[in-house]
Amino acid sequence: MNKEKIKYKAKGVVLGNLWGGGKGYYTARTLEAENLSNLKAQIIKGIKTGSLDSGMGYESLIGAVMEITKITEVIIEGKPFINKEAELKSFSIPTEFEEEAENFLYASF
């Protein structure tokens, strides 16, 4: 039986508040993870801490648009076969209202 090895990679841009006013965007750091939920958590944490910025140096980050690629590798008869599937996802720091609404919805079920 052939075993699949899956990993996720994210690259894109961050949107941030510029020092002295205004907004701008810049290349984000590339991230990798073994599962999608871990990758999304890294992205959100990077927005909150400002560490997703790859060097521009914003006053604060607002969000990001990331291309998330699922990379599946299978070895068949000793040869690697790789499949890549990608999609764009936008991320932002949830507002207090959005966090409260989400907590209420989860508590309702």
Protein backbone atom coordinates (compact mmCIF):
# COMPACT_ATOMS: atom_id res chain seq x y z
CA MET A 1 0.00 0.00 0.00
CA ASN A 2 1.24 3.48 -0.86
CA LYS A 3 1.35 5.95 2.02
CA GLU A 4 0.45 9.59 1.46
CA LYS A 5 2.47 12.37 3.03
CA ILE A 6 0.53 15.65 3.26
CA LYS A 7 1.78 19.10 4.17
CA TYR A 8 0.46 22.63 3.79
CA LYS A 9 2.22 25.78 2.67
CA ALA A 10 1.00 29.40 2.75
CA LYS A 11 2.35 32.46 0.96
CA GLY A 12 0.77 35.80 0.23
CA VAL A 13 0.51 39.40 1.39
CA VAL A 14 -0.26 41.16 4.66
CA LEU A 15 -2.30 44.33 5.01
CA GLY A 16 -1.19 46.73 7.70
CA ASN A 17 -1.40 50.18 9.23
CA LEU A 18 1.61 52.21 8.14
CA TRP A 19 3.63 54.27 10.60
CA GLY A 20 2.37 57.85 10.36
CA GLY A 21 -1.00 56.87 8.87
CA GLY A 22 -2.45 55.06 5.93
CA LYS A 23 -2.61 51.42 4.99
CA GLY A 24 -0.44 49.29 2.76
CA TYR A 25 0.36 45.73 1.81
CA TYR A 26 3.58 43.77 1.58
CA THR A 27 4.76 40.20 1.08
CA ALA A 28 4.01 37.86 3.99
CA ARG A 29 6.39 35.28 5.39
CA THR A 30 5.97 31.79 3.91
CA LEU A 31 4.63 29.29 6.43
CA GLU A 32 4.44 25.49 6.46
CA ALA A 33 2.58 23.00 8.64
CA GLU A 34 1.63 19.33 8.75
CA ASN A 35 -2.09 20.12 9.00
CA LEU A 36 -4.43 22.87 7.88
CA SER A 37 -5.68 23.92 11.31
CA ASN A 38 -2.10 24.44 12.53
CA LEU A 39 -1.30 26.52 9.44
CA LYS A 40 -4.38 28.73 9.95
CA ALA A 41 -3.46 29.18 13.62
CA GLN A 42 0.07 30.28 12.61
CA ILE A 43 -1.40 32.83 10.18
CA ILE A 44 -3.81 34.33 12.74
CA LYS A 45 -1.08 34.41 15.41
CA GLY A 46 1.27 36.09 12.91
CA ILE A 47 -1.32 38.78 12.19
CA LYS A 48 -1.92 39.41 15.91
CA THR A 49 1.78 39.58 16.80
CA GLY A 50 2.94 41.27 13.60
CA SER A 51 5.32 38.39 12.84
CA LEU A 52 3.62 37.47 9.54
CA ASP A 53 5.12 40.62 8.03
CA SER A 54 8.26 39.68 6.11
CA GLY A 55 10.10 42.92 6.77
CA MET A 56 8.12 46.07 5.93
CA GLY A 57 7.56 46.96 9.58
CA TYR A 58 3.97 48.06 10.00
CA GLU A 59 2.62 49.80 13.07
CA SER A 60 0.11 46.92 13.22
CA LEU A 61 -1.28 44.26 10.91
CA ILE A 62 -4.92 44.15 9.85
CA GLY A 63 -5.10 40.93 7.87
CA ALA A 64 -3.64 38.82 5.09
CA VAL A 65 -4.54 37.18 1.81
CA MET A 66 -2.74 33.86 1.57
CA GLU A 67 -2.49 31.19 -1.10
CA ILE A 68 -2.77 27.93 0.80
CA THR A 69 -1.35 24.93 -1.01
CA LYS A 70 -2.03 21.34 0.02
CA ILE A 71 0.90 19.18 -1.09
CA THR A 72 0.30 15.44 -1.26
CA GLU A 73 3.22 13.11 -1.94
CA VAL A 74 2.87 9.41 -2.72
CA ILE A 75 5.74 7.03 -3.42
CA ILE A 76 4.84 4.47 -6.09
CA GLU A 77 7.43 1.88 -7.03
CA GLY A 78 10.14 4.02 -5.48
CA LYS A 79 9.21 7.20 -7.38
CA PRO A 80 7.64 10.27 -5.73
CA PHE A 81 4.43 11.64 -7.21
CA ILE A 82 3.34 15.06 -5.96
CA ASN A 83 -0.06 16.71 -6.27
CA LYS A 84 -0.60 20.37 -5.37
CA GLU A 85 -3.99 22.00 -4.79
CA ALA A 86 -4.12 25.73 -3.99
CA GLU A 87 -6.76 28.26 -3.00
CA LEU A 88 -6.79 31.87 -1.82
CA LYS A 89 -8.02 32.60 1.69
CA SER A 90 -8.35 35.92 3.48
CA PHE A 91 -7.63 36.27 7.19
CA SER A 92 -8.25 39.06 9.67
CA ILE A 93 -8.28 39.52 13.40
CA PRO A 94 -11.85 38.94 14.58
CA THR A 95 -13.53 41.93 16.21
CA GLU A 96 -14.86 41.59 19.75
CA PHE A 97 -18.38 41.37 18.34
CA GLU A 98 -17.42 38.56 15.91
CA GLU A 99 -15.70 36.60 18.69
CA GLU A 100 -18.73 36.96 20.99
CA ALA A 101 -21.12 35.95 18.20
CA GLU A 102 -19.00 32.88 17.37
CA ASN A 103 -18.85 31.85 21.04
CA PHE A 104 -22.64 32.25 21.30
CA LEU A 105 -23.22 30.14 18.18
CA TYR A 106 -20.94 27.35 19.41
CA ALA A 107 -22.59 27.39 22.84
CA SER A 108 -26.03 27.10 21.22
CA PHE A 109 -25.33 23.69 19.68
